[in-house]
Amino acid sequence: MIVAEGLSRPALRRKLRQTRRQLSPAQQRHAARRLYRQLSHHPLFRRARHIALYLPNDGEIDPRLLLRAAQRRGKATYLPVLNPWPRTRMVFQRIEPGERLRRNRFGIFEPVIRTARQRRVWALDLLLMPLVGFDGNGGRLGMGGGFYDRSLAYRARRKKSHKPTLLGLAHECQRVDRLPLESWDVPLLGTVTDRGWYVER
């Protein structure tokens, strides 16, 4: 676990990104399999019909085993897509097995934009989110672009809105004792790593 005291958010982000990048390909594969075992039979995953995930980048833990498992079970699966305009907006689009992908402006693979296949974020059941760092209190440190925070900002206005369930996915080495959070940060229900669950109490 990394101690965050005395580190600014940018410094902490750099430290955590470097830590996860140092994982070898074998360690990444092992972590992905363990993450799959942690989550694939959990009721939150089994009951969800509409699940949004992500494709790994920059050392993020790989959820593609979960993506394929969801598709085998007949669930609707979605990936984040960045809008060309406005450029700060992210939407979630349904993806089918074998669908062709393209790289977005950050070099991350995403589906070709088809608005008819997009779903409002509050109509998803489960959102599995990438992160740079996390703590045991539902805190999430992202890449700094704010795409997820903007997509989920409605939750501050709709106090009774509980959809989707928000879970972060991470390597155990991305755990921080306590994250310095900002007013716009959207808390998670918890984070799942290759070692276990950290659910907000």
N, C-alpha and C. Protein backbone atom coordinates (compact mmCIF):
# COMPACT_ATOMS: atom_id res chain seq x y z
N MET A 1 0.84 -1.19 0.00
CA MET A 1 0.00 0.00 0.00
C MET A 1 0.88 1.25 0.00
N ILE A 2 0.49 2.21 -0.81
CA ILE A 2 1.26 3.45 -0.94
C ILE A 2 0.68 4.53 -0.02
N VAL A 3 1.56 5.23 0.67
CA VAL A 3 1.14 6.33 1.55
C VAL A 3 1.07 7.60 0.71
N ALA A 4 -0.10 8.25 0.73
CA ALA A 4 -0.33 9.42 -0.12
C ALA A 4 0.07 10.73 0.55
N GLU A 5 0.26 10.72 1.85
CA GLU A 5 0.53 11.96 2.57
C GLU A 5 1.76 12.66 2.00
N GLY A 6 1.61 13.96 1.74
CA GLY A 6 2.72 14.75 1.23
C GLY A 6 2.85 14.74 -0.28
N LEU A 7 2.05 13.92 -0.97
CA LEU A 7 2.11 13.87 -2.42
C LEU A 7 0.91 14.60 -3.02
N SER A 8 1.15 15.43 -4.01
CA SER A 8 0.06 16.06 -4.74
C SER A 8 -0.62 15.00 -5.61
N ARG A 9 -1.81 15.31 -6.09
CA ARG A 9 -2.49 14.36 -6.99
C ARG A 9 -1.66 14.05 -8.23
N PRO A 10 -1.07 15.04 -8.91
CA PRO A 10 -0.24 14.70 -10.07
C PRO A 10 0.96 13.82 -9.71
N ALA A 11 1.61 14.11 -8.58
CA ALA A 11 2.76 13.30 -8.17
C ALA A 11 2.34 11.89 -7.82
N LEU A 12 1.22 11.77 -7.13
CA LEU A 12 0.71 10.44 -6.78
C LEU A 12 0.32 9.67 -8.04
N ARG A 13 -0.28 10.36 -8.98
CA ARG A 13 -0.67 9.72 -10.25
C ARG A 13 0.57 9.20 -10.98
N ARG A 14 1.61 10.00 -11.05
CA ARG A 14 2.85 9.55 -11.71
C ARG A 14 3.44 8.33 -11.03
N LYS A 15 3.46 8.36 -9.71
CA LYS A 15 4.04 7.24 -8.94
C LYS A 15 3.26 5.95 -9.17
N LEU A 16 1.94 6.05 -9.15
CA LEU A 16 1.11 4.86 -9.31
C LEU A 16 1.15 4.32 -10.74
N ARG A 17 1.17 5.21 -11.72
CA ARG A 17 1.27 4.75 -13.11
C ARG A 17 2.60 4.04 -13.34
N GLN A 18 3.66 4.56 -12.77
CA GLN A 18 4.96 3.92 -12.92
C GLN A 18 4.95 2.54 -12.26
N THR A 19 4.28 2.44 -11.11
CA THR A 19 4.23 1.16 -10.39
C THR A 19 3.53 0.09 -11.21
N ARG A 20 2.39 0.42 -11.81
CA ARG A 20 1.67 -0.61 -12.56
C ARG A 20 2.35 -0.91 -13.90
N ARG A 21 3.06 0.06 -14.47
CA ARG A 21 3.77 -0.20 -15.73
C ARG A 21 4.93 -1.18 -15.53
N GLN A 22 5.42 -1.26 -14.30
CA GLN A 22 6.55 -2.14 -14.03
C GLN A 22 6.16 -3.61 -13.92
N LEU A 23 4.86 -3.90 -13.93
CA LEU A 23 4.41 -5.29 -13.89
C LEU A 23 4.76 -5.97 -15.23
N SER A 24 5.27 -7.18 -15.15
CA SER A 24 5.65 -7.91 -16.36
C SER A 24 4.41 -8.43 -17.07
N PRO A 25 4.53 -8.81 -18.35
CA PRO A 25 3.39 -9.42 -19.05
C PRO A 25 2.83 -10.64 -18.32
N ALA A 26 3.71 -11.45 -17.74
CA ALA A 26 3.24 -12.63 -17.01
C ALA A 26 2.46 -12.20 -15.76
N GLN A 27 2.93 -11.19 -15.06
CA GLN A 27 2.21 -10.69 -13.89
C GLN A 27 0.85 -10.10 -14.29
N GLN A 28 0.81 -9.43 -15.43
CA GLN A 28 -0.45 -8.87 -15.91
C GLN A 28 -1.45 -9.99 -16.24
N ARG A 29 -1.00 -11.03 -16.89
CA ARG A 29 -1.90 -12.15 -17.22
C ARG A 29 -2.41 -12.83 -15.96
N HIS A 30 -1.52 -13.03 -15.01
CA HIS A 30 -1.91 -13.66 -13.75
C HIS A 30 -2.93 -12.80 -13.01
N ALA A 31 -2.69 -11.49 -12.98
CA ALA A 31 -3.62 -10.58 -12.31
C ALA A 31 -4.98 -10.59 -12.98
N ALA A 32 -5.01 -10.63 -14.31
CA ALA A 32 -6.28 -10.65 -15.05
C ALA A 32 -7.08 -11.90 -14.72
N ARG A 33 -6.40 -13.04 -14.61
CA ARG A 33 -7.10 -14.29 -14.26
C ARG A 33 -7.65 -14.22 -12.83
N ARG A 34 -6.86 -13.68 -11.93
CA ARG A 34 -7.32 -13.57 -10.54
C ARG A 34 -8.48 -12.58 -10.42
N LEU A 35 -8.42 -11.49 -11.17
CA LEU A 35 -9.53 -10.53 -11.18
C LEU A 35 -10.81 -11.22 -11.67
N TYR A 36 -10.67 -12.00 -12.72
CA TYR A 36 -11.82 -12.74 -13.26
C TYR A 36 -12.43 -13.64 -12.18
N ARG A 37 -11.60 -14.35 -11.46
CA ARG A 37 -12.12 -15.24 -10.41
C ARG A 37 -12.79 -14.45 -9.28
N GLN A 38 -12.28 -13.27 -8.99
CA GLN A 38 -12.86 -12.44 -7.93
C GLN A 38 -14.29 -11.99 -8.28
N LEU A 39 -14.54 -11.74 -9.55
CA LEU A 39 -15.75 -11.02 -9.95
C LEU A 39 -16.75 -11.83 -10.75
N SER A 40 -16.30 -12.83 -11.53
CA SER A 40 -17.18 -13.44 -12.53
C SER A 40 -18.38 -14.17 -11.92
N HIS A 41 -18.26 -14.68 -10.69
CA HIS A 41 -19.38 -15.39 -10.06
C HIS A 41 -20.04 -14.59 -8.94
N HIS A 42 -19.63 -13.34 -8.79
CA HIS A 42 -20.23 -12.49 -7.76
C HIS A 42 -21.65 -12.09 -8.18
N PRO A 43 -22.59 -12.00 -7.25
CA PRO A 43 -23.97 -11.61 -7.61
C PRO A 43 -24.07 -10.29 -8.37
N LEU A 44 -23.22 -9.31 -8.06
CA LEU A 44 -23.29 -8.04 -8.78
C LEU A 44 -23.04 -8.23 -10.28
N PHE A 45 -22.13 -9.13 -10.61
CA PHE A 45 -21.83 -9.41 -12.01
C PHE A 45 -22.87 -10.34 -12.61
N ARG A 46 -23.25 -11.35 -11.89
CA ARG A 46 -24.19 -12.33 -12.42
C ARG A 46 -25.56 -11.73 -12.70
N ARG A 47 -26.02 -10.82 -11.85
CA ARG A 47 -27.37 -10.26 -12.01
C ARG A 47 -27.44 -9.13 -13.03
N ALA A 48 -26.31 -8.48 -13.31
CA ALA A 48 -26.32 -7.33 -14.22
C ALA A 48 -26.61 -7.78 -15.64
N ARG A 49 -27.49 -7.04 -16.32
CA ARG A 49 -27.80 -7.33 -17.72
C ARG A 49 -27.05 -6.39 -18.67
N HIS A 50 -26.77 -5.19 -18.23
CA HIS A 50 -26.07 -4.20 -19.06
C HIS A 50 -24.80 -3.78 -18.31
N ILE A 51 -23.64 -4.21 -18.83
CA ILE A 51 -22.36 -4.01 -18.15
C ILE A 51 -21.42 -3.22 -19.04
N ALA A 52 -20.86 -2.14 -18.50
CA ALA A 52 -19.83 -1.38 -19.21
C ALA A 52 -18.46 -1.70 -18.60
N LEU A 53 -17.49 -1.92 -19.49
CA LEU A 53 -16.13 -2.20 -19.07
C LEU A 53 -15.20 -1.25 -19.82
N TYR A 54 -13.94 -1.61 -19.95
CA TYR A 54 -12.96 -0.81 -20.67
C TYR A 54 -11.92 -1.75 -21.25
N LEU A 55 -11.14 -1.27 -22.19
CA LEU A 55 -10.02 -2.03 -22.71
C LEU A 55 -8.74 -1.49 -22.07
N PRO A 56 -7.85 -2.38 -21.62
CA PRO A 56 -6.71 -1.94 -20.80
C PRO A 56 -5.71 -1.10 -21.59
N ASN A 57 -5.10 -0.16 -20.89
CA ASN A 57 -4.12 0.75 -21.48
C ASN A 57 -3.18 1.20 -20.37
N ASP A 58 -1.92 1.42 -20.69
CA ASP A 58 -0.98 2.03 -19.76
C ASP A 58 -0.81 1.21 -18.47
N GLY A 59 -0.86 -0.11 -18.60
CA GLY A 59 -0.65 -0.97 -17.43
C GLY A 59 -1.88 -1.26 -16.61
N GLU A 60 -3.06 -0.82 -17.04
CA GLU A 60 -4.30 -1.09 -16.30
C GLU A 60 -4.57 -2.59 -16.24
N ILE A 61 -5.21 -3.03 -15.18
CA ILE A 61 -5.57 -4.44 -15.08
C ILE A 61 -6.57 -4.77 -16.19
N ASP A 62 -6.44 -5.95 -16.76
CA ASP A 62 -7.15 -6.33 -17.98
C ASP A 62 -8.48 -7.02 -17.65
N PRO A 63 -9.63 -6.42 -18.04
CA PRO A 63 -10.93 -7.03 -17.76
C PRO A 63 -11.51 -7.82 -18.94
N ARG A 64 -10.70 -8.15 -19.96
CA ARG A 64 -11.27 -8.77 -21.15
C ARG A 64 -11.81 -10.17 -20.91
N LEU A 65 -11.30 -10.89 -19.92
CA LEU A 65 -11.90 -12.18 -19.56
C LEU A 65 -13.33 -11.97 -19.06
N LEU A 66 -13.55 -10.91 -18.31
CA LEU A 66 -14.90 -10.58 -17.83
C LEU A 66 -15.80 -10.15 -18.98
N LEU A 67 -15.24 -9.40 -19.92
CA LEU A 67 -16.01 -8.98 -21.09
C LEU A 67 -16.50 -10.19 -21.88
N ARG A 68 -15.60 -11.14 -22.12
CA ARG A 68 -16.00 -12.33 -22.89
C ARG A 68 -16.97 -13.19 -22.11
N ALA A 69 -16.79 -13.28 -20.78
CA ALA A 69 -17.72 -14.06 -19.96
C ALA A 69 -19.11 -13.45 -20.00
N ALA A 70 -19.20 -12.13 -19.92
CA ALA A 70 -20.49 -11.46 -19.98
C ALA A 70 -21.17 -11.71 -21.31
N GLN A 71 -20.42 -11.66 -22.40
CA GLN A 71 -20.99 -11.89 -23.72
C GLN A 71 -21.46 -13.33 -23.88
N ARG A 72 -20.69 -14.29 -23.36
CA ARG A 72 -21.12 -15.69 -23.42
C ARG A 72 -22.43 -15.92 -22.68
N ARG A 73 -22.63 -15.17 -21.61
CA ARG A 73 -23.85 -15.32 -20.81
C ARG A 73 -25.02 -14.51 -21.35
N GLY A 74 -24.84 -13.88 -22.50
CA GLY A 74 -25.93 -13.15 -23.13
C GLY A 74 -26.17 -11.76 -22.58
N LYS A 75 -25.21 -11.22 -21.83
CA LYS A 75 -25.36 -9.86 -21.30
C LYS A 75 -25.00 -8.84 -22.39
N ALA A 76 -25.58 -7.66 -22.30
CA ALA A 76 -25.20 -6.57 -23.19
C ALA A 76 -23.97 -5.90 -22.61
N THR A 77 -22.91 -5.77 -23.41
CA THR A 77 -21.64 -5.21 -22.95
C THR A 77 -21.35 -3.91 -23.70
N TYR A 78 -20.73 -2.97 -22.99
CA TYR A 78 -20.51 -1.63 -23.52
C TYR A 78 -19.07 -1.20 -23.24
N LEU A 79 -18.54 -0.38 -24.14
CA LEU A 79 -17.23 0.24 -23.95
C LEU A 79 -17.38 1.75 -24.01
N PRO A 80 -16.50 2.48 -23.33
CA PRO A 80 -16.54 3.95 -23.43
C PRO A 80 -16.07 4.40 -24.81
N VAL A 81 -16.71 5.44 -25.31
CA VAL A 81 -16.36 6.05 -26.59
C VAL A 81 -16.26 7.56 -26.38
N LEU A 82 -15.18 8.16 -26.85
CA LEU A 82 -15.01 9.60 -26.75
C LEU A 82 -15.68 10.29 -27.93
N ASN A 83 -16.48 11.29 -27.64
CA ASN A 83 -17.14 12.05 -28.71
C ASN A 83 -16.13 12.95 -29.42
N PRO A 84 -16.25 13.07 -30.76
CA PRO A 84 -15.40 14.04 -31.44
C PRO A 84 -15.76 15.48 -31.03
N TRP A 85 -17.05 15.70 -30.72
CA TRP A 85 -17.50 17.01 -30.24
C TRP A 85 -18.78 16.84 -29.43
N PRO A 86 -18.89 17.40 -28.23
CA PRO A 86 -17.78 18.07 -27.54
C PRO A 86 -16.71 17.07 -27.11
N ARG A 87 -15.47 17.48 -27.16
CA ARG A 87 -14.36 16.56 -26.96
C ARG A 87 -14.21 16.10 -25.50
N THR A 88 -14.94 16.73 -24.60
CA THR A 88 -14.86 16.33 -23.19
C THR A 88 -15.93 15.31 -22.82
N ARG A 89 -16.74 14.88 -23.77
CA ARG A 89 -17.86 13.98 -23.47
C ARG A 89 -17.50 12.53 -23.79
N MET A 90 -17.90 11.64 -22.91
CA MET A 90 -17.72 10.20 -23.11
C MET A 90 -19.08 9.53 -23.04
N VAL A 91 -19.32 8.59 -23.95
CA VAL A 91 -20.57 7.84 -23.95
C VAL A 91 -20.23 6.34 -23.90
N PHE A 92 -21.26 5.52 -23.72
CA PHE A 92 -21.05 4.07 -23.63
C PHE A 92 -21.82 3.41 -24.77
N GLN A 93 -21.11 2.59 -25.54
CA GLN A 93 -21.67 1.99 -26.75
C GLN A 93 -21.57 0.47 -26.68
N ARG A 94 -22.65 -0.17 -27.10
CA ARG A 94 -22.69 -1.64 -27.06
C ARG A 94 -21.68 -2.22 -28.04
N ILE A 95 -21.02 -3.28 -27.61
CA ILE A 95 -20.02 -3.93 -28.44
C ILE A 95 -20.37 -5.42 -28.54
N GLU A 96 -20.19 -5.96 -29.75
CA GLU A 96 -20.44 -7.38 -30.01
C GLU A 96 -19.11 -8.11 -30.15
N PRO A 97 -19.09 -9.43 -29.90
CA PRO A 97 -17.85 -10.19 -30.08
C PRO A 97 -17.30 -10.04 -31.49
N GLY A 98 -16.00 -9.82 -31.61
CA GLY A 98 -15.35 -9.72 -32.91
C GLY A 98 -15.52 -8.39 -33.62
N GLU A 99 -16.15 -7.44 -32.98
CA GLU A 99 -16.39 -6.15 -33.63
C GLU A 99 -15.07 -5.41 -33.86
N ARG A 100 -14.97 -4.73 -35.01
CA ARG A 100 -13.76 -3.98 -35.33
C ARG A 100 -13.66 -2.73 -34.46
N LEU A 101 -12.44 -2.46 -34.00
CA LEU A 101 -12.19 -1.31 -33.14
C LEU A 101 -11.20 -0.37 -33.82
N ARG A 102 -11.13 0.86 -33.33
CA ARG A 102 -10.17 1.84 -33.81
C ARG A 102 -9.56 2.53 -32.61
N ARG A 103 -8.42 3.18 -32.80
CA ARG A 103 -7.78 3.92 -31.72
C ARG A 103 -8.36 5.33 -31.65
N ASN A 104 -8.63 5.78 -30.42
CA ASN A 104 -9.10 7.15 -30.25
C ASN A 104 -7.91 8.10 -30.13
N ARG A 105 -8.16 9.35 -29.79
CA ARG A 105 -7.07 10.34 -29.78
C ARG A 105 -6.04 10.10 -28.69
N PHE A 106 -6.35 9.21 -27.73
CA PHE A 106 -5.38 8.85 -26.69
C PHE A 106 -4.70 7.51 -27.01
N GLY A 107 -5.00 6.95 -28.18
CA GLY A 107 -4.41 5.68 -28.56
C GLY A 107 -5.10 4.46 -27.96
N ILE A 108 -6.28 4.66 -27.36
CA ILE A 108 -7.02 3.56 -26.74
C ILE A 108 -8.05 3.03 -27.73
N PHE A 109 -8.17 1.72 -27.83
CA PHE A 109 -9.13 1.12 -28.76
C PHE A 109 -10.56 1.35 -28.28
N GLU A 110 -11.44 1.66 -29.24
CA GLU A 110 -12.86 1.86 -28.95
C GLU A 110 -13.66 1.51 -30.20
N PRO A 111 -14.98 1.27 -30.05
CA PRO A 111 -15.80 0.98 -31.22
C PRO A 111 -15.94 2.21 -32.11
N VAL A 112 -16.23 1.98 -33.40
CA VAL A 112 -16.58 3.07 -34.31
C VAL A 112 -17.93 3.63 -33.84
N ILE A 113 -18.05 4.95 -33.78
CA ILE A 113 -19.24 5.59 -33.20
C ILE A 113 -20.50 5.22 -33.98
N ARG A 114 -21.47 4.69 -33.25
CA ARG A 114 -22.80 4.42 -33.79
C ARG A 114 -23.80 4.81 -32.71
N THR A 115 -24.40 5.96 -32.86
CA THR A 115 -25.25 6.49 -31.79
C THR A 115 -26.43 5.58 -31.46
N ALA A 116 -26.90 4.82 -32.42
CA ALA A 116 -28.05 3.95 -32.16
C ALA A 116 -27.71 2.83 -31.18
N ARG A 117 -26.42 2.56 -30.99
CA ARG A 117 -26.01 1.48 -30.10
C ARG A 117 -25.53 2.00 -28.75
N GLN A 118 -25.67 3.29 -28.52
CA GLN A 118 -25.23 3.88 -27.25
C GLN A 118 -26.34 3.83 -26.22
N ARG A 119 -25.95 3.77 -24.96
CA ARG A 119 -26.90 3.67 -23.86
C ARG A 119 -26.55 4.72 -22.81
N ARG A 120 -27.56 5.35 -22.27
CA ARG A 120 -27.34 6.33 -21.21
C ARG A 120 -26.67 5.64 -20.02
N VAL A 121 -25.75 6.35 -19.38
CA VAL A 121 -25.00 5.74 -18.29
C VAL A 121 -25.91 5.31 -17.16
N TRP A 122 -26.99 6.07 -16.88
CA TRP A 122 -27.88 5.71 -15.77
C TRP A 122 -28.77 4.52 -16.12
N ALA A 123 -28.72 4.05 -17.37
CA ALA A 123 -29.48 2.86 -17.75
C ALA A 123 -28.61 1.61 -17.73
N LEU A 124 -27.34 1.75 -17.36
CA LEU A 124 -26.47 0.59 -17.17
C LEU A 124 -26.70 0.00 -15.78
N ASP A 125 -26.42 -1.29 -15.65
CA ASP A 125 -26.54 -1.93 -14.34
C ASP A 125 -25.22 -1.90 -13.57
N LEU A 126 -24.12 -2.09 -14.28
CA LEU A 126 -22.81 -2.21 -13.64
C LEU A 126 -21.78 -1.51 -14.50
N LEU A 127 -20.98 -0.66 -13.88
CA LEU A 127 -19.91 0.05 -14.57
C LEU A 127 -18.59 -0.32 -13.91
N LEU A 128 -17.75 -1.03 -14.65
CA LEU A 128 -16.43 -1.45 -14.18
C LEU A 128 -15.41 -0.45 -14.71
N MET A 129 -14.78 0.29 -13.81
CA MET A 129 -14.01 1.47 -14.19
C MET A 129 -12.51 1.27 -14.00
N PRO A 130 -11.73 1.78 -14.94
CA PRO A 130 -10.28 1.79 -14.72
C PRO A 130 -9.91 2.89 -13.73
N LEU A 131 -8.74 2.79 -13.17
CA LEU A 131 -8.28 3.82 -12.23
C LEU A 131 -6.77 3.78 -12.11
N VAL A 132 -6.23 4.85 -11.56
CA VAL A 132 -4.80 4.92 -11.30
C VAL A 132 -4.51 4.54 -9.85
N GLY A 133 -5.37 4.99 -8.93
CA GLY A 133 -5.22 4.66 -7.53
C GLY A 133 -6.57 4.57 -6.85
N PHE A 134 -6.62 3.87 -5.72
CA PHE A 134 -7.87 3.72 -4.97
C PHE A 134 -7.56 3.58 -3.50
N ASP A 135 -8.58 3.84 -2.67
CA ASP A 135 -8.48 3.54 -1.24
C ASP A 135 -9.68 2.73 -0.81
N GLY A 136 -9.74 2.39 0.45
CA GLY A 136 -10.82 1.55 0.95
C GLY A 136 -12.09 2.28 1.28
N ASN A 137 -12.14 3.58 0.97
CA ASN A 137 -13.31 4.39 1.28
C ASN A 137 -14.10 4.80 0.04
N GLY A 138 -13.90 4.09 -1.07
CA GLY A 138 -14.60 4.42 -2.30
C GLY A 138 -13.91 5.47 -3.12
N GLY A 139 -12.71 5.89 -2.72
CA GLY A 139 -11.98 6.91 -3.45
C GLY A 139 -11.32 6.33 -4.69
N ARG A 140 -11.36 7.11 -5.78
CA ARG A 140 -10.75 6.70 -7.05
C ARG A 140 -9.93 7.85 -7.60
N LEU A 141 -8.71 7.57 -7.99
CA LEU A 141 -7.87 8.53 -8.69
C LEU A 141 -7.77 8.09 -10.13
N GLY A 142 -8.30 8.91 -11.05
CA GLY A 142 -8.27 8.56 -12.47
C GLY A 142 -7.05 9.15 -13.16
N MET A 143 -7.12 9.16 -14.49
CA MET A 143 -6.00 9.64 -15.29
C MET A 143 -5.92 11.16 -15.31
N GLY A 144 -6.96 11.84 -14.86
CA GLY A 144 -6.92 13.29 -14.79
C GLY A 144 -7.75 13.99 -15.84
N GLY A 145 -8.33 13.24 -16.79
CA GLY A 145 -9.14 13.86 -17.83
C GLY A 145 -10.56 14.18 -17.39
N GLY A 146 -11.04 13.53 -16.34
CA GLY A 146 -12.36 13.80 -15.81
C GLY A 146 -13.51 13.22 -16.61
N PHE A 147 -13.24 12.30 -17.53
CA PHE A 147 -14.31 11.78 -18.40
C PHE A 147 -15.36 11.00 -17.60
N TYR A 148 -14.92 10.14 -16.70
CA TYR A 148 -15.88 9.38 -15.89
C TYR A 148 -16.62 10.30 -14.92
N ASP A 149 -15.91 11.23 -14.30
CA ASP A 149 -16.56 12.14 -13.35
C ASP A 149 -17.65 12.96 -14.04
N ARG A 150 -17.39 13.44 -15.25
CA ARG A 150 -18.41 14.21 -15.97
C ARG A 150 -19.59 13.33 -16.35
N SER A 151 -19.30 12.10 -16.77
CA SER A 151 -20.39 11.19 -17.15
C SER A 151 -21.29 10.86 -15.97
N LEU A 152 -20.73 10.87 -14.77
CA LEU A 152 -21.47 10.46 -13.58
C LEU A 152 -21.88 11.63 -12.70
N ALA A 153 -21.70 12.85 -13.18
CA ALA A 153 -22.01 14.03 -12.37
C ALA A 153 -23.48 14.10 -12.00
N TYR A 154 -24.35 13.48 -12.78
CA TYR A 154 -25.80 13.49 -12.48
C TYR A 154 -26.10 12.88 -11.12
N ARG A 155 -25.23 12.02 -10.62
CA ARG A 155 -25.51 11.36 -9.35
C ARG A 155 -25.55 12.34 -8.18
N ALA A 156 -24.83 13.46 -8.31
CA ALA A 156 -24.87 14.47 -7.26
C ALA A 156 -26.23 15.17 -7.22
N ARG A 157 -26.89 15.24 -8.36
CA ARG A 157 -28.20 15.89 -8.44
C ARG A 157 -29.34 14.92 -8.12
N ARG A 158 -29.14 13.66 -8.48
CA ARG A 158 -30.17 12.65 -8.25
C ARG A 158 -29.77 11.78 -7.07
N LYS A 159 -30.08 12.24 -5.91
CA LYS A 159 -29.61 11.57 -4.69
C LYS A 159 -30.14 10.14 -4.57
N LYS A 160 -31.29 9.87 -5.20
CA LYS A 160 -31.88 8.54 -5.09
C LYS A 160 -31.45 7.61 -6.23
N SER A 161 -30.60 8.12 -7.10
CA SER A 161 -30.15 7.31 -8.23
C SER A 161 -29.04 6.35 -7.78
N HIS A 162 -29.29 5.07 -7.97
CA HIS A 162 -28.31 4.06 -7.55
C HIS A 162 -27.72 3.31 -8.74
N LYS A 163 -28.08 3.69 -9.95
CA LYS A 163 -27.56 3.01 -11.13
C LYS A 163 -26.62 3.93 -11.90
N PRO A 164 -25.58 3.34 -12.45
CA PRO A 164 -25.19 1.94 -12.29
C PRO A 164 -24.39 1.74 -11.01
N THR A 165 -24.21 0.48 -10.63
CA THR A 165 -23.27 0.16 -9.55
C THR A 165 -21.86 0.46 -10.07
N LEU A 166 -21.07 1.18 -9.28
CA LEU A 166 -19.73 1.60 -9.71
C LEU A 166 -18.68 0.79 -8.98
N LEU A 167 -17.89 0.05 -9.74
CA LEU A 167 -16.78 -0.71 -9.18
C LEU A 167 -15.50 -0.34 -9.92
N GLY A 168 -14.47 -0.02 -9.18
CA GLY A 168 -13.16 0.17 -9.79
C GLY A 168 -12.45 -1.16 -9.92
N LEU A 169 -11.61 -1.28 -10.94
CA LEU A 169 -10.78 -2.47 -11.13
C LEU A 169 -9.32 -2.04 -11.09
N ALA A 170 -8.50 -2.78 -10.35
CA ALA A 170 -7.11 -2.33 -10.18
C ALA A 170 -6.21 -3.48 -9.78
N HIS A 171 -4.93 -3.26 -9.97
CA HIS A 171 -3.92 -4.12 -9.37
C HIS A 171 -3.82 -3.78 -7.89
N GLU A 172 -3.45 -4.76 -7.09
CA GLU A 172 -3.29 -4.53 -5.65
C GLU A 172 -2.25 -3.44 -5.38
N CYS A 173 -1.24 -3.33 -6.23
CA CYS A 173 -0.19 -2.34 -6.02
C CYS A 173 -0.66 -0.90 -6.20
N GLN A 174 -1.90 -0.70 -6.65
CA GLN A 174 -2.44 0.65 -6.84
C GLN A 174 -3.19 1.15 -5.60
N ARG A 175 -3.18 0.38 -4.54
CA ARG A 175 -3.90 0.76 -3.33
C ARG A 175 -3.14 1.86 -2.58
N VAL A 176 -3.89 2.85 -2.12
CA VAL A 176 -3.36 4.00 -1.39
C VAL A 176 -4.04 4.04 -0.02
N ASP A 177 -3.32 4.52 0.98
CA ASP A 177 -3.92 4.54 2.32
C ASP A 177 -5.18 5.42 2.37
N ARG A 178 -5.08 6.62 1.83
CA ARG A 178 -6.24 7.50 1.76
C ARG A 178 -6.01 8.52 0.66
N LEU A 179 -6.97 8.63 -0.26
CA LEU A 179 -6.83 9.54 -1.37
C LEU A 179 -7.33 10.94 -1.02
N PRO A 180 -6.62 11.97 -1.44
CA PRO A 180 -7.15 13.33 -1.31
C PRO A 180 -8.19 13.54 -2.40
N LEU A 181 -9.45 13.70 -2.02
CA LEU A 181 -10.54 13.77 -2.99
C LEU A 181 -10.99 15.21 -3.21
N GLU A 182 -11.52 15.46 -4.40
CA GLU A 182 -12.06 16.76 -4.75
C GLU A 182 -13.59 16.69 -4.76
N SER A 183 -14.23 17.86 -4.81
CA SER A 183 -15.69 17.90 -4.74
C SER A 183 -16.36 17.20 -5.90
N TRP A 184 -15.69 17.15 -7.06
CA TRP A 184 -16.30 16.55 -8.24
C TRP A 184 -16.05 15.04 -8.34
N ASP A 185 -15.22 14.49 -7.46
CA ASP A 185 -14.94 13.05 -7.52
C ASP A 185 -16.19 12.26 -7.16
N VAL A 186 -16.50 11.25 -7.97
CA VAL A 186 -17.66 10.40 -7.74
C VAL A 186 -17.20 9.15 -6.98
N PRO A 187 -17.71 8.92 -5.77
CA PRO A 187 -17.26 7.76 -5.00
C PRO A 187 -17.75 6.45 -5.60
N LEU A 188 -16.95 5.41 -5.43
CA LEU A 188 -17.29 4.07 -5.89
C LEU A 188 -17.95 3.28 -4.78
N LEU A 189 -18.70 2.25 -5.15
CA LEU A 189 -19.14 1.28 -4.16
C LEU A 189 -17.92 0.59 -3.56
N GLY A 190 -16.92 0.36 -4.40
CA GLY A 190 -15.69 -0.27 -3.95
C GLY A 190 -14.78 -0.56 -5.12
N THR A 191 -13.68 -1.22 -4.84
CA THR A 191 -12.71 -1.59 -5.88
C THR A 191 -12.38 -3.07 -5.74
N VAL A 192 -12.26 -3.73 -6.88
CA VAL A 192 -11.89 -5.15 -6.93
C VAL A 192 -10.49 -5.24 -7.53
N THR A 193 -9.61 -5.96 -6.84
CA THR A 193 -8.26 -6.16 -7.34
C THR A 193 -8.02 -7.65 -7.58
N ASP A 194 -6.82 -7.96 -8.02
CA ASP A 194 -6.45 -9.36 -8.19
C ASP A 194 -6.35 -10.08 -6.85
N ARG A 195 -6.36 -9.35 -5.74
CA ARG A 195 -6.24 -9.97 -4.41
C ARG A 195 -7.54 -9.98 -3.62
N GLY A 196 -8.48 -9.09 -3.95
CA GLY A 196 -9.70 -9.07 -3.13
C GLY A 196 -10.57 -7.85 -3.40
N TRP A 197 -11.54 -7.67 -2.53
CA TRP A 197 -12.52 -6.58 -2.62
C TRP A 197 -12.25 -5.55 -1.54
N TYR A 198 -12.42 -4.29 -1.91
CA TYR A 198 -12.34 -3.18 -0.97
C TYR A 198 -13.64 -2.39 -1.12
N VAL A 199 -14.60 -2.67 -0.27
CA VAL A 199 -15.93 -2.09 -0.40
C VAL A 199 -16.10 -1.02 0.66
N GLU A 200 -16.66 0.12 0.24
CA GLU A 200 -16.89 1.23 1.16
C GLU A 200 -17.80 0.80 2.29
N ARG A 201 -17.41 1.12 3.52
CA ARG A 201 -18.20 0.74 4.67
C ARG A 201 -19.12 1.88 5.08
